[in-house]
ModelCIF file with pLDDT and N, C-alpha, C, O atoms, coordinates in Angstrom:
data_MODEL
#
_entry.id   MODEL 
#
_entity.id                         1 
_entity.type                       polymer 
_entity.pdbx_number_of_molecules   1 
#
_entity_poly.entity_id                      1 
_entity_poly.type                           'polypeptide(L)' 
_entity_poly.nstd_linkage                   no 
_entity_poly.nstd_monomer                   no 
_entity_poly.pdbx_seq_one_letter_code       
;(UNK)(UNK)(UNK)(UNK)(UNK)(UNK)(UNK)(UNK)(UNK)(UNK)(UNK)(UNK)(UNK)(UNK)(UNK)(UNK)
(UNK)(UNK)(UNK)(UNK)(UNK)(UNK)(UNK)(UNK)(UNK)(UNK)(UNK)(UNK)(UNK)(UNK)(UNK)(UNK)
(UNK)(UNK)(UNK)
;
_entity_poly.pdbx_seq_one_letter_code_can   XXXXXXXXXXXXXXXXXXXXXXXXXXXXXXXXXXX 
_entity_poly.pdbx_strand_id                 A 
#
loop_
_entity_poly_seq.entity_id 
_entity_poly_seq.num 
_entity_poly_seq.mon_id 
_entity_poly_seq.hetero 
1 1  UNK n 
1 2  UNK n 
1 3  UNK n 
1 4  UNK n 
1 5  UNK n 
1 6  UNK n 
1 7  UNK n 
1 8  UNK n 
1 9  UNK n 
1 10 UNK n 
1 11 UNK n 
1 12 UNK n 
1 13 UNK n 
1 14 UNK n 
1 15 UNK n 
1 16 UNK n 
1 17 UNK n 
1 18 UNK n 
1 19 UNK n 
1 20 UNK n 
1 21 UNK n 
1 22 UNK n 
1 23 UNK n 
1 24 UNK n 
1 25 UNK n 
1 26 UNK n 
1 27 UNK n 
1 28 UNK n 
1 29 UNK n 
1 30 UNK n 
1 31 UNK n 
1 32 UNK n 
1 33 UNK n 
1 34 UNK n 
1 35 UNK n 
#
_struct_asym.id          A 
_struct_asym.entity_id   1 
#
loop_
_ma_qa_metric.id 
_ma_qa_metric.mode 
_ma_qa_metric.name 
_ma_qa_metric.software_group_id 
_ma_qa_metric.type 
1 global pLDDT . pLDDT 
2 local  pLDDT . pLDDT 
#
_ma_qa_metric_global.metric_id      1 
_ma_qa_metric_global.metric_value   79.77 
_ma_qa_metric_global.model_id       1 
_ma_qa_metric_global.ordinal_id     1 
#
loop_
_ma_qa_metric_local.label_asym_id 
_ma_qa_metric_local.label_comp_id 
_ma_qa_metric_local.label_seq_id 
_ma_qa_metric_local.metric_id 
_ma_qa_metric_local.metric_value 
_ma_qa_metric_local.model_id 
_ma_qa_metric_local.ordinal_id 
A UNK 1  2 73.00 1 1  
A UNK 2  2 73.00 1 2  
A UNK 3  2 76.00 1 3  
A UNK 4  2 80.00 1 4  
A UNK 5  2 83.00 1 5  
A UNK 6  2 83.00 1 6  
A UNK 7  2 83.00 1 7  
A UNK 8  2 83.00 1 8  
A UNK 9  2 83.00 1 9  
A UNK 10 2 81.00 1 10 
A UNK 11 2 81.00 1 11 
A UNK 12 2 78.00 1 12 
A UNK 13 2 68.00 1 13 
A UNK 14 2 59.00 1 14 
A UNK 15 2 55.00 1 15 
A UNK 16 2 54.00 1 16 
A UNK 17 2 53.00 1 17 
A UNK 18 2 55.00 1 18 
A UNK 19 2 64.00 1 19 
A UNK 20 2 81.00 1 20 
A UNK 21 2 87.00 1 21 
A UNK 22 2 89.00 1 22 
A UNK 23 2 86.00 1 23 
A UNK 24 2 88.00 1 24 
A UNK 25 2 93.00 1 25 
A UNK 26 2 91.00 1 26 
A UNK 27 2 88.00 1 27 
A UNK 28 2 92.00 1 28 
A UNK 29 2 93.00 1 29 
A UNK 30 2 89.00 1 30 
A UNK 31 2 88.00 1 31 
A UNK 32 2 92.00 1 32 
A UNK 33 2 87.00 1 33 
A UNK 34 2 89.00 1 34 
A UNK 35 2 94.00 1 35 
#
loop_
_atom_site.group_PDB 
_atom_site.id 
_atom_site.type_symbol 
_atom_site.label_atom_id 
_atom_site.label_alt_id 
_atom_site.label_comp_id 
_atom_site.label_asym_id 
_atom_site.label_entity_id 
_atom_site.label_seq_id 
_atom_site.pdbx_PDB_ins_code 
_atom_site.Cartn_x 
_atom_site.Cartn_y 
_atom_site.Cartn_z 
_atom_site.occupancy 
_atom_site.B_iso_or_equiv 
_atom_site.pdbx_formal_charge 
_atom_site.auth_seq_id 
_atom_site.auth_comp_id 
_atom_site.auth_asym_id 
_atom_site.auth_atom_id 
_atom_site.pdbx_PDB_model_num 
ATOM 1   N N  . UNK A 1 1  ? 72.441 116.763 95.346 1.00 73.00 ? 1  UNK A N  1 
ATOM 2   C CA . UNK A 1 1  ? 71.099 116.623 95.892 1.00 73.00 ? 1  UNK A CA 1 
ATOM 3   C C  . UNK A 1 1  ? 70.760 115.144 95.929 1.00 73.00 ? 1  UNK A C  1 
ATOM 4   O O  . UNK A 1 1  ? 71.570 114.328 96.369 1.00 73.00 ? 1  UNK A O  1 
ATOM 5   N N  . UNK A 1 2  ? 69.588 114.803 95.479 1.00 73.00 ? 2  UNK A N  1 
ATOM 6   C CA . UNK A 1 2  ? 69.200 113.394 95.401 1.00 73.00 ? 2  UNK A CA 1 
ATOM 7   C C  . UNK A 1 2  ? 69.778 112.817 94.107 1.00 73.00 ? 2  UNK A C  1 
ATOM 8   O O  . UNK A 1 2  ? 69.402 113.226 93.008 1.00 73.00 ? 2  UNK A O  1 
ATOM 9   N N  . UNK A 1 3  ? 70.700 111.859 94.257 1.00 76.00 ? 3  UNK A N  1 
ATOM 10  C CA . UNK A 1 3  ? 71.313 111.262 93.073 1.00 76.00 ? 3  UNK A CA 1 
ATOM 11  C C  . UNK A 1 3  ? 70.250 110.577 92.234 1.00 76.00 ? 3  UNK A C  1 
ATOM 12  O O  . UNK A 1 3  ? 69.376 109.884 92.755 1.00 76.00 ? 3  UNK A O  1 
ATOM 13  N N  . UNK A 1 4  ? 70.336 110.782 90.934 1.00 80.00 ? 4  UNK A N  1 
ATOM 14  C CA . UNK A 1 4  ? 69.372 110.178 90.024 1.00 80.00 ? 4  UNK A CA 1 
ATOM 15  C C  . UNK A 1 4  ? 70.083 109.910 88.705 1.00 80.00 ? 4  UNK A C  1 
ATOM 16  O O  . UNK A 1 4  ? 70.744 110.788 88.150 1.00 80.00 ? 4  UNK A O  1 
ATOM 17  N N  . UNK A 1 5  ? 69.935 108.686 88.213 1.00 83.00 ? 5  UNK A N  1 
ATOM 18  C CA . UNK A 1 5  ? 70.504 108.317 86.923 1.00 83.00 ? 5  UNK A CA 1 
ATOM 19  C C  . UNK A 1 5  ? 69.424 107.626 86.124 1.00 83.00 ? 5  UNK A C  1 
ATOM 20  O O  . UNK A 1 5  ? 68.797 106.675 86.590 1.00 83.00 ? 5  UNK A O  1 
ATOM 21  N N  . UNK A 1 6  ? 69.212 108.117 84.907 1.00 83.00 ? 6  UNK A N  1 
ATOM 22  C CA . UNK A 1 6  ? 68.233 107.500 84.020 1.00 83.00 ? 6  UNK A CA 1 
ATOM 23  C C  . UNK A 1 6  ? 68.865 107.277 82.657 1.00 83.00 ? 6  UNK A C  1 
ATOM 24  O O  . UNK A 1 6  ? 69.765 108.008 82.243 1.00 83.00 ? 6  UNK A O  1 
ATOM 25  N N  . UNK A 1 7  ? 68.382 106.263 81.975 1.00 83.00 ? 7  UNK A N  1 
ATOM 26  C CA . UNK A 1 7  ? 68.766 105.995 80.596 1.00 83.00 ? 7  UNK A CA 1 
ATOM 27  C C  . UNK A 1 7  ? 67.482 106.054 79.796 1.00 83.00 ? 7  UNK A C  1 
ATOM 28  O O  . UNK A 1 7  ? 66.674 105.125 79.824 1.00 83.00 ? 7  UNK A O  1 
ATOM 29  N N  . UNK A 1 8  ? 67.301 107.159 79.079 1.00 83.00 ? 8  UNK A N  1 
ATOM 30  C CA . UNK A 1 8  ? 66.008 107.411 78.451 1.00 83.00 ? 8  UNK A CA 1 
ATOM 31  C C  . UNK A 1 8  ? 64.995 107.611 79.560 1.00 83.00 ? 8  UNK A C  1 
ATOM 32  O O  . UNK A 1 8  ? 65.165 108.493 80.402 1.00 83.00 ? 8  UNK A O  1 
ATOM 33  N N  . UNK A 1 9  ? 63.944 106.806 79.575 1.00 83.00 ? 9  UNK A N  1 
ATOM 34  C CA . UNK A 1 9  ? 62.937 106.880 80.631 1.00 83.00 ? 9  UNK A CA 1 
ATOM 35  C C  . UNK A 1 9  ? 63.147 105.834 81.717 1.00 83.00 ? 9  UNK A C  1 
ATOM 36  O O  . UNK A 1 9  ? 62.369 105.766 82.669 1.00 83.00 ? 9  UNK A O  1 
ATOM 37  N N  . UNK A 1 10 ? 64.192 105.015 81.586 1.00 81.00 ? 10 UNK A N  1 
ATOM 38  C CA . UNK A 1 10 ? 64.429 103.922 82.528 1.00 81.00 ? 10 UNK A CA 1 
ATOM 39  C C  . UNK A 1 10 ? 65.343 104.370 83.658 1.00 81.00 ? 10 UNK A C  1 
ATOM 40  O O  . UNK A 1 10 ? 66.483 104.764 83.410 1.00 81.00 ? 10 UNK A O  1 
ATOM 41  N N  . UNK A 1 11 ? 64.858 104.316 84.901 1.00 81.00 ? 11 UNK A N  1 
ATOM 42  C CA . UNK A 1 11 ? 65.736 104.671 86.025 1.00 81.00 ? 11 UNK A CA 1 
ATOM 43  C C  . UNK A 1 11 ? 66.786 103.598 86.262 1.00 81.00 ? 11 UNK A C  1 
ATOM 44  O O  . UNK A 1 11 ? 66.476 102.407 86.288 1.00 81.00 ? 11 UNK A O  1 
ATOM 45  N N  . UNK A 1 12 ? 68.024 104.025 86.434 1.00 78.00 ? 12 UNK A N  1 
ATOM 46  C CA . UNK A 1 12 ? 69.108 103.120 86.778 1.00 78.00 ? 12 UNK A CA 1 
ATOM 47  C C  . UNK A 1 12 ? 69.374 103.227 88.269 1.00 78.00 ? 12 UNK A C  1 
ATOM 48  O O  . UNK A 1 12 ? 69.685 102.238 88.932 1.00 78.00 ? 12 UNK A O  1 
ATOM 49  N N  . UNK A 1 13 ? 69.248 104.430 88.780 1.00 68.00 ? 13 UNK A N  1 
ATOM 50  C CA . UNK A 1 13 ? 69.491 104.689 90.190 1.00 68.00 ? 13 UNK A CA 1 
ATOM 51  C C  . UNK A 1 13 ? 68.253 105.318 90.788 1.00 68.00 ? 13 UNK A C  1 
ATOM 52  O O  . UNK A 1 13 ? 67.665 106.245 90.231 1.00 68.00 ? 13 UNK A O  1 
ATOM 53  N N  . UNK A 1 14 ? 67.884 104.800 91.912 1.00 59.00 ? 14 UNK A N  1 
ATOM 54  C CA . UNK A 1 14 ? 66.736 105.342 92.621 1.00 59.00 ? 14 UNK A CA 1 
ATOM 55  C C  . UNK A 1 14 ? 66.118 104.253 93.460 1.00 59.00 ? 14 UNK A C  1 
ATOM 56  O O  . UNK A 1 14 ? 66.398 103.069 93.273 1.00 59.00 ? 14 UNK A O  1 
ATOM 57  N N  . UNK A 1 15 ? 65.276 104.662 94.388 1.00 55.00 ? 15 UNK A N  1 
ATOM 58  C CA . UNK A 1 15 ? 64.627 103.681 95.240 1.00 55.00 ? 15 UNK A CA 1 
ATOM 59  C C  . UNK A 1 15 ? 65.633 102.907 96.056 1.00 55.00 ? 15 UNK A C  1 
ATOM 60  O O  . UNK A 1 15 ? 66.624 103.466 96.525 1.00 55.00 ? 15 UNK A O  1 
ATOM 61  N N  . UNK A 1 16 ? 65.382 101.618 96.228 1.00 54.00 ? 16 UNK A N  1 
ATOM 62  C CA . UNK A 1 16 ? 66.270 100.811 97.073 1.00 54.00 ? 16 UNK A CA 1 
ATOM 63  C C  . UNK A 1 16 ? 67.609 100.536 96.406 1.00 54.00 ? 16 UNK A C  1 
ATOM 64  O O  . UNK A 1 16 ? 68.567 100.186 97.096 1.00 54.00 ? 16 UNK A O  1 
ATOM 65  N N  . UNK A 1 17 ? 67.709 100.684 95.079 1.00 53.00 ? 17 UNK A N  1 
ATOM 66  C CA . UNK A 1 17 ? 68.981 100.489 94.392 1.00 53.00 ? 17 UNK A CA 1 
ATOM 67  C C  . UNK A 1 17 ? 70.020 101.524 94.781 1.00 53.00 ? 17 UNK A C  1 
ATOM 68  O O  . UNK A 1 17 ? 71.214 101.297 94.588 1.00 53.00 ? 17 UNK A O  1 
ATOM 69  N N  . UNK A 1 18 ? 69.593 102.653 95.324 1.00 55.00 ? 18 UNK A N  1 
ATOM 70  C CA . UNK A 1 18 ? 70.523 103.744 95.587 1.00 55.00 ? 18 UNK A CA 1 
ATOM 71  C C  . UNK A 1 18 ? 71.487 103.460 96.731 1.00 55.00 ? 18 UNK A C  1 
ATOM 72  O O  . UNK A 1 18 ? 72.413 104.240 96.953 1.00 55.00 ? 18 UNK A O  1 
ATOM 73  N N  . UNK A 1 19 ? 71.297 102.377 97.454 1.00 64.00 ? 19 UNK A N  1 
ATOM 74  C CA . UNK A 1 19 ? 72.184 102.094 98.579 1.00 64.00 ? 19 UNK A CA 1 
ATOM 75  C C  . UNK A 1 19 ? 73.096 100.901 98.328 1.00 64.00 ? 19 UNK A C  1 
ATOM 76  O O  . UNK A 1 19 ? 73.829 100.498 99.232 1.00 64.00 ? 19 UNK A O  1 
ATOM 77  N N  . UNK A 1 20 ? 73.076 100.335 97.155 1.00 81.00 ? 20 UNK A N  1 
ATOM 78  C CA . UNK A 1 20 ? 73.905 99.166  96.887 1.00 81.00 ? 20 UNK A CA 1 
ATOM 79  C C  . UNK A 1 20 ? 75.353 99.572  96.629 1.00 81.00 ? 20 UNK A C  1 
ATOM 80  O O  . UNK A 1 20 ? 75.631 100.712 96.255 1.00 81.00 ? 20 UNK A O  1 
ATOM 81  N N  . UNK A 1 21 ? 76.261 98.638  96.830 1.00 87.00 ? 21 UNK A N  1 
ATOM 82  C CA . UNK A 1 21 ? 77.677 98.885  96.530 1.00 87.00 ? 21 UNK A CA 1 
ATOM 83  C C  . UNK A 1 21 ? 77.867 99.147  95.036 1.00 87.00 ? 21 UNK A C  1 
ATOM 84  O O  . UNK A 1 21 ? 78.687 99.982  94.655 1.00 87.00 ? 21 UNK A O  1 
ATOM 85  N N  . UNK A 1 22 ? 77.117 98.442  94.190 1.00 89.00 ? 22 UNK A N  1 
ATOM 86  C CA . UNK A 1 22 ? 77.238 98.649  92.747 1.00 89.00 ? 22 UNK A CA 1 
ATOM 87  C C  . UNK A 1 22 ? 76.862 100.078 92.382 1.00 89.00 ? 22 UNK A C  1 
ATOM 88  O O  . UNK A 1 22 ? 77.517 100.703 91.548 1.00 89.00 ? 22 UNK A O  1 
ATOM 89  N N  . UNK A 1 23 ? 75.817 100.589 93.000 1.00 86.00 ? 23 UNK A N  1 
ATOM 90  C CA . UNK A 1 23 ? 75.399 101.966 92.728 1.00 86.00 ? 23 UNK A CA 1 
ATOM 91  C C  . UNK A 1 23 ? 76.432 102.951 93.251 1.00 86.00 ? 23 UNK A C  1 
ATOM 92  O O  . UNK A 1 23 ? 76.732 103.947 92.593 1.00 86.00 ? 23 UNK A O  1 
ATOM 93  N N  . UNK A 1 24 ? 76.972 102.680 94.422 1.00 88.00 ? 24 UNK A N  1 
ATOM 94  C CA . UNK A 1 24 ? 78.013 103.549 94.966 1.00 88.00 ? 24 UNK A CA 1 
ATOM 95  C C  . UNK A 1 24 ? 79.231 103.554 94.048 1.00 88.00 ? 24 UNK A C  1 
ATOM 96  O O  . UNK A 1 24 ? 79.835 104.601 93.814 1.00 88.00 ? 24 UNK A O  1 
ATOM 97  N N  . UNK A 1 25 ? 79.590 102.378 93.529 1.00 93.00 ? 25 UNK A N  1 
ATOM 98  C CA . UNK A 1 25 ? 80.693 102.275 92.583 1.00 93.00 ? 25 UNK A CA 1 
ATOM 99  C C  . UNK A 1 25 ? 80.412 103.102 91.332 1.00 93.00 ? 25 UNK A C  1 
ATOM 100 O O  . UNK A 1 25 ? 81.290 103.820 90.853 1.00 93.00 ? 25 UNK A O  1 
ATOM 101 N N  . UNK A 1 26 ? 79.210 103.006 90.807 1.00 91.00 ? 26 UNK A N  1 
ATOM 102 C CA . UNK A 1 26 ? 78.831 103.792 89.625 1.00 91.00 ? 26 UNK A CA 1 
ATOM 103 C C  . UNK A 1 26 ? 78.972 105.283 89.898 1.00 91.00 ? 26 UNK A C  1 
ATOM 104 O O  . UNK A 1 26 ? 79.530 106.009 89.075 1.00 91.00 ? 26 UNK A O  1 
ATOM 105 N N  . UNK A 1 27 ? 78.483 105.744 91.023 1.00 88.00 ? 27 UNK A N  1 
ATOM 106 C CA . UNK A 1 27 ? 78.574 107.171 91.360 1.00 88.00 ? 27 UNK A CA 1 
ATOM 107 C C  . UNK A 1 27 ? 80.028 107.622 91.500 1.00 88.00 ? 27 UNK A C  1 
ATOM 108 O O  . UNK A 1 27 ? 80.384 108.711 91.049 1.00 88.00 ? 27 UNK A O  1 
ATOM 109 N N  . UNK A 1 28 ? 80.858 106.804 92.115 1.00 92.00 ? 28 UNK A N  1 
ATOM 110 C CA . UNK A 1 28 ? 82.281 107.139 92.268 1.00 92.00 ? 28 UNK A CA 1 
ATOM 111 C C  . UNK A 1 28 ? 82.937 107.271 90.897 1.00 92.00 ? 28 UNK A C  1 
ATOM 112 O O  . UNK A 1 28 ? 83.648 108.240 90.630 1.00 92.00 ? 28 UNK A O  1 
ATOM 113 N N  . UNK A 1 29 ? 82.694 106.287 90.029 1.00 93.00 ? 29 UNK A N  1 
ATOM 114 C CA . UNK A 1 29 ? 83.312 106.311 88.701 1.00 93.00 ? 29 UNK A CA 1 
ATOM 115 C C  . UNK A 1 29 ? 82.824 107.500 87.872 1.00 93.00 ? 29 UNK A C  1 
ATOM 116 O O  . UNK A 1 29 ? 83.615 108.142 87.180 1.00 93.00 ? 29 UNK A O  1 
ATOM 117 N N  . UNK A 1 30 ? 81.540 107.790 87.940 1.00 89.00 ? 30 UNK A N  1 
ATOM 118 C CA . UNK A 1 30 ? 81.007 108.934 87.196 1.00 89.00 ? 30 UNK A CA 1 
ATOM 119 C C  . UNK A 1 30 ? 81.577 110.244 87.730 1.00 89.00 ? 30 UNK A C  1 
ATOM 120 O O  . UNK A 1 30 ? 81.919 111.135 86.953 1.00 89.00 ? 30 UNK A O  1 
ATOM 121 N N  . UNK A 1 31 ? 81.680 110.361 89.035 1.00 88.00 ? 31 UNK A N  1 
ATOM 122 C CA . UNK A 1 31 ? 82.199 111.579 89.642 1.00 88.00 ? 31 UNK A CA 1 
ATOM 123 C C  . UNK A 1 31 ? 83.672 111.795 89.271 1.00 88.00 ? 31 UNK A C  1 
ATOM 124 O O  . UNK A 1 31 ? 84.090 112.920 89.000 1.00 88.00 ? 31 UNK A O  1 
ATOM 125 N N  . UNK A 1 32 ? 84.446 110.718 89.260 1.00 92.00 ? 32 UNK A N  1 
ATOM 126 C CA . UNK A 1 32 ? 85.875 110.828 88.959 1.00 92.00 ? 32 UNK A CA 1 
ATOM 127 C C  . UNK A 1 32 ? 86.160 111.013 87.466 1.00 92.00 ? 32 UNK A C  1 
ATOM 128 O O  . UNK A 1 32 ? 87.210 111.534 87.090 1.00 92.00 ? 32 UNK A O  1 
ATOM 129 N N  . UNK A 1 33 ? 85.218 110.582 86.616 1.00 87.00 ? 33 UNK A N  1 
ATOM 130 C CA . UNK A 1 33 ? 85.326 110.800 85.174 1.00 87.00 ? 33 UNK A CA 1 
ATOM 131 C C  . UNK A 1 33 ? 86.628 110.313 84.573 1.00 87.00 ? 33 UNK A C  1 
ATOM 132 O O  . UNK A 1 33 ? 87.116 109.236 84.912 1.00 87.00 ? 33 UNK A O  1 
ATOM 133 N N  . UNK A 1 34 ? 87.190 111.116 83.674 1.00 89.00 ? 34 UNK A N  1 
ATOM 134 C CA . UNK A 1 34 ? 88.396 110.717 82.955 1.00 89.00 ? 34 UNK A CA 1 
ATOM 135 C C  . UNK A 1 34 ? 89.640 110.743 83.844 1.00 89.00 ? 34 UNK A C  1 
ATOM 136 O O  . UNK A 1 34 ? 90.672 110.178 83.484 1.00 89.00 ? 34 UNK A O  1 
ATOM 137 N N  . UNK A 1 35 ? 89.544 111.394 84.994 1.00 94.00 ? 35 UNK A N  1 
ATOM 138 C CA . UNK A 1 35 ? 90.650 111.411 85.955 1.00 94.00 ? 35 UNK A CA 1 
ATOM 139 C C  . UNK A 1 35 ? 90.861 110.013 86.535 1.00 94.00 ? 35 UNK A C  1 
ATOM 140 O O  . UNK A 1 35 ? 91.748 109.817 87.366 1.00 94.00 ? 35 UNK A O  1 
#
């Protein structure tokens, strides 16, 4: 759905940050996990 990453109450992903290469990299790494 709408990707969302928070650390406690602090958003890491959302708003205009959601389109950056760094955010895309984070999503790829999280999705791939230990693989």
